[in-house]
Amino acid sequence: MRVDRSFAFLDLCGFTSYTANEGDARATRVLADFRAVVREIGSRRGVRVAKWLGDGAMLVGVEAEPLVSAVLEIEHRIDDVDSPLPIRGGLVRGPVILFEGDDYIGTPVNLAARLCDAAGPRQVLAAPSFCDVCPPWIGAGEPYAVALPGFRDPVEVVRLLRRPAGPDPVTDPVCGLVLAAALAVQRADDEGAPLWFCSESCAGSWSGAEAVEGG
């Protein structure tokens, strides 16, 4: 069966060297922390972990925007917890074959994996089509071409980045992202005090938040 999905591959940079230098116990703690972050954020944003790949993960989303938000939040969280290993990622969307109910086959999957391999530490590379679905707090650099193994021609990509919060930042009480108020989803608590969220999914997760007209 052919379906349209969005895919992301994430990878802990330098995991093999870290394991050799620091030992199995420390390496497995770093990996366990990474997987816990991926599970928590993916679950809240409606993104599924399709499979674990040793020191990485393959994520899949029916919609593109929650997947972009999840990946950039994961990158932010890994930095915030002072992980000794940063992550890198690649995102692509498009039609694939859903095989035996739980596996995906097609060029978008292969390309997302290759983009992750091509990314540097703290880099998230994506197909330019993701520029149209990024939430306001995520921006994209200028498109450029990269040569990837298994692809005859260079592939055009963009780097996705969190936008600067600016001089008057607000903090999402659910995910902890700091962003400019103008880029946030505004709500109010039970007493009418303003709240700001990075997305509708985080706003919906906050108990007691109510819609503000124009927010």
Protein backbone atom coordinates (compact mmCIF):
# COMPACT_ATOMS: atom_id res chain seq x y z
CA MET A 1 0.00 0.00 0.00
CA ARG A 2 1.33 3.46 -0.95
CA VAL A 3 1.06 6.23 1.66
CA ASP A 4 2.41 9.76 2.18
CA ARG A 5 4.54 10.13 5.29
CA SER A 6 7.26 12.33 6.75
CA PHE A 7 10.48 10.71 7.98
CA ALA A 8 13.32 11.76 10.24
CA PHE A 9 16.53 10.00 11.14
CA LEU A 10 18.41 11.09 14.27
CA ASP A 11 21.89 10.07 15.31
CA LEU A 12 24.12 10.64 18.34
CA CYS A 13 27.37 12.05 16.95
CA GLY A 14 30.55 10.27 18.00
CA PHE A 15 28.87 7.46 19.94
CA THR A 16 31.35 4.77 18.87
CA SER A 17 34.38 6.83 19.92
CA TYR A 18 32.67 7.85 23.16
CA THR A 19 32.01 4.20 24.02
CA ALA A 20 35.63 3.28 23.35
CA ASN A 21 36.97 6.16 25.45
CA GLU A 22 34.45 6.30 28.30
CA GLY A 23 33.27 2.71 28.60
CA ASP A 24 30.00 0.87 28.14
CA ALA A 25 28.35 2.08 31.34
CA ARG A 26 28.60 5.78 30.49
CA ALA A 27 27.71 5.18 26.86
CA THR A 28 24.55 3.27 27.72
CA ARG A 29 23.46 6.06 30.09
CA VAL A 30 23.84 8.62 27.30
CA LEU A 31 21.89 6.36 24.96
CA ALA A 32 19.15 5.76 27.54
CA ASP A 33 18.79 9.52 28.09
CA PHE A 34 18.56 10.09 24.33
CA ARG A 35 15.86 7.46 23.90
CA ALA A 36 13.87 8.81 26.86
CA VAL A 37 13.89 12.30 25.31
CA VAL A 38 12.81 10.94 21.92
CA ARG A 39 9.98 8.90 23.45
CA GLU A 40 8.63 11.75 25.56
CA ILE A 41 8.71 14.41 22.86
CA GLY A 42 7.53 12.09 20.09
CA SER A 43 4.58 10.92 22.15
CA ARG A 44 3.48 14.45 23.01
CA ARG A 45 3.74 15.66 19.44
CA GLY A 46 2.09 12.63 17.85
CA VAL A 47 5.23 11.30 16.19
CA ARG A 48 6.01 7.58 16.18
CA VAL A 49 9.38 5.92 16.69
CA ALA A 50 9.42 3.56 13.73
CA LYS A 51 12.59 1.83 14.91
CA TRP A 52 15.66 2.28 17.07
CA LEU A 53 18.95 2.14 15.16
CA GLY A 54 21.60 1.53 17.79
CA ASP A 55 22.70 5.07 18.65
CA GLY A 56 19.97 6.59 16.49
CA ALA A 57 16.29 6.49 15.68
CA MET A 58 13.89 6.60 12.75
CA LEU A 59 10.78 8.70 13.32
CA VAL A 60 7.66 8.84 11.17
CA GLY A 61 4.78 11.29 11.12
CA VAL A 62 1.53 11.38 9.20
CA GLU A 63 1.81 15.19 9.17
CA ALA A 64 5.06 17.04 8.51
CA GLU A 65 4.76 19.92 11.01
CA PRO A 66 4.66 17.77 14.19
CA LEU A 67 7.70 15.85 12.98
CA VAL A 68 9.71 19.03 12.32
CA SER A 69 8.74 20.39 15.73
CA ALA A 70 9.66 17.12 17.43
CA VAL A 71 13.10 16.92 15.82
CA LEU A 72 14.04 20.52 16.63
CA GLU A 73 12.75 20.14 20.19
CA ILE A 74 14.76 16.94 20.63
CA GLU A 75 17.88 18.74 19.40
CA HIS A 76 17.17 21.56 21.84
CA ARG A 77 16.55 19.22 24.77
CA ILE A 78 19.70 17.18 24.16
CA ASP A 79 21.71 20.39 24.30
CA ASP A 80 19.90 21.54 27.44
CA VAL A 81 20.66 18.37 29.40
CA ASP A 82 24.37 18.84 28.65
CA SER A 83 24.67 15.56 26.81
CA PRO A 84 28.31 14.84 25.94
CA LEU A 85 27.12 13.88 22.45
CA PRO A 86 25.12 16.24 20.21
CA ILE A 87 22.66 14.91 17.67
CA ARG A 88 22.24 15.37 13.93
CA GLY A 89 19.21 14.72 11.78
CA GLY A 90 17.71 14.41 8.32
CA LEU A 91 14.08 14.92 7.25
CA VAL A 92 12.26 14.05 4.03
CA ARG A 93 8.60 13.53 3.15
CA GLY A 94 6.87 11.83 0.27
CA PRO A 95 5.10 8.69 -0.98
CA VAL A 96 6.42 5.32 0.19
CA ILE A 97 5.28 1.72 0.31
CA LEU A 98 3.88 0.61 3.66
CA PHE A 99 5.11 -2.97 3.84
CA GLU A 100 3.55 -5.57 6.15
CA GLY A 101 1.94 -2.87 8.23
CA ASP A 102 5.01 -1.51 10.01
CA ASP A 103 7.84 -0.97 7.53
CA TYR A 104 8.37 1.79 4.97
CA ILE A 105 10.12 1.37 1.63
CA GLY A 106 10.98 4.13 -0.80
CA THR A 107 13.29 6.96 -1.78
CA PRO A 108 12.10 9.36 0.98
CA VAL A 109 13.25 6.92 3.67
CA ASN A 110 16.64 6.36 2.05
CA LEU A 111 17.15 10.08 1.46
CA ALA A 112 16.30 11.02 5.05
CA ALA A 113 18.88 8.51 6.29
CA ARG A 114 21.52 9.90 3.91
CA LEU A 115 20.79 13.49 5.00
CA CYS A 116 21.31 12.48 8.61
CA ASP A 117 24.66 10.92 7.67
CA ALA A 118 25.66 14.13 5.84
CA ALA A 119 24.70 16.46 8.71
CA GLY A 120 27.24 17.72 11.20
CA PRO A 121 26.81 17.90 14.97
CA ARG A 122 23.74 19.97 15.91
CA GLN A 123 22.66 20.14 12.27
CA VAL A 124 19.23 19.18 10.97
CA LEU A 125 19.10 18.90 7.19
CA ALA A 126 15.79 18.67 5.35
CA ALA A 127 14.25 18.64 1.91
CA PRO A 128 13.24 22.21 0.92
CA SER A 129 9.56 21.17 0.96
CA PHE A 130 9.71 21.34 4.77
CA CYS A 131 10.08 25.13 4.59
CA ASP A 132 6.34 25.31 3.88
CA VAL A 133 5.33 23.40 7.02
CA CYS A 134 7.72 24.70 9.67
CA PRO A 135 6.08 26.36 12.68
CA PRO A 136 6.95 30.07 13.10
CA TRP A 137 9.75 29.41 15.62
CA ILE A 138 11.71 27.31 13.10
CA GLY A 139 13.56 28.91 10.21
CA ALA A 140 15.50 27.52 7.25
CA GLY A 141 18.79 28.52 5.68
CA GLU A 142 19.36 29.02 1.98
CA PRO A 143 19.04 25.86 -0.14
CA TYR A 144 22.26 24.24 -1.27
CA ALA A 145 23.22 21.01 -3.01
CA VAL A 146 25.00 18.04 -1.43
CA ALA A 147 26.34 14.88 -3.00
CA LEU A 148 24.97 11.79 -1.28
CA PRO A 149 25.95 8.12 -1.64
CA GLY A 150 23.41 6.22 -3.73
CA PHE A 151 22.06 9.33 -5.48
CA ARG A 152 23.36 10.10 -8.94
CA ASP A 153 22.77 13.85 -8.81
CA PRO A 154 23.40 16.32 -5.96
CA VAL A 155 20.38 16.79 -3.72
CA GLU A 156 19.07 20.20 -2.67
CA VAL A 157 18.71 20.63 1.09
CA VAL A 158 18.14 23.30 3.73
CA ARG A 159 19.32 23.50 7.30
CA LEU A 160 16.54 23.94 9.86
CA LEU A 161 17.22 26.14 12.90
CA ARG A 162 15.35 27.55 15.86
CA ARG A 163 14.74 31.27 15.38
CA PRO A 164 16.25 33.66 17.95
CA ALA A 165 13.90 34.43 20.83
CA GLY A 166 14.63 38.17 20.67
CA PRO A 167 14.67 40.73 23.48
CA ASP A 168 11.34 39.73 25.11
CA PRO A 169 11.30 35.93 25.09
CA VAL A 170 8.52 33.72 26.43
CA THR A 171 8.77 30.12 27.61
CA ASP A 172 6.46 27.29 26.63
CA PRO A 173 5.43 25.73 29.98
CA VAL A 174 5.07 22.28 28.41
CA CYS A 175 8.22 21.74 26.36
CA GLY A 176 10.39 24.51 27.82
CA LEU A 177 11.23 26.07 24.45
CA VAL A 178 12.09 29.75 24.65
CA LEU A 179 10.73 31.78 21.73
CA ALA A 180 9.56 35.21 20.70
CA ALA A 181 5.99 35.99 21.80
CA ALA A 182 5.12 37.00 18.24
CA LEU A 183 5.95 33.46 17.08
CA ALA A 184 3.99 31.69 19.82
CA VAL A 185 0.47 30.34 20.23
CA GLN A 186 -1.20 32.42 22.95
CA ARG A 187 -3.60 31.03 25.52
CA ALA A 188 -4.77 32.00 29.01
CA ASP A 189 -4.88 30.06 32.25
CA ASP A 190 -7.96 29.70 34.47
CA GLU A 191 -7.38 33.15 35.94
CA GLY A 192 -6.88 34.87 32.60
CA ALA A 193 -3.10 35.18 32.83
CA PRO A 194 -1.39 34.83 29.43
CA LEU A 195 0.47 31.70 28.42
CA TRP A 196 2.56 31.10 25.31
CA PHE A 197 3.20 27.83 23.52
CA CYS A 198 5.33 26.77 20.58
CA SER A 199 2.48 24.83 18.97
CA GLU A 200 -1.13 23.79 19.24
CA SER A 201 0.00 20.36 20.46
CA CYS A 202 1.79 21.88 23.46
CA ALA A 203 -1.15 24.23 24.10
CA GLY A 204 -3.51 21.25 24.10
CA SER A 205 -1.27 19.44 26.59
CA TRP A 206 -1.52 22.23 29.15
CA SER A 207 -4.34 21.60 31.62
CA GLY A 208 -6.48 24.66 32.21
CA ALA A 209 -5.36 26.67 29.19
CA GLU A 210 -8.13 28.42 27.31
CA ALA A 211 -8.14 30.10 23.91
CA VAL A 212 -7.54 33.84 23.72
CA GLU A 213 -9.28 35.70 20.96
CA GLY A 214 -6.75 36.44 18.24
CA GLY A 215 -4.22 34.13 19.83
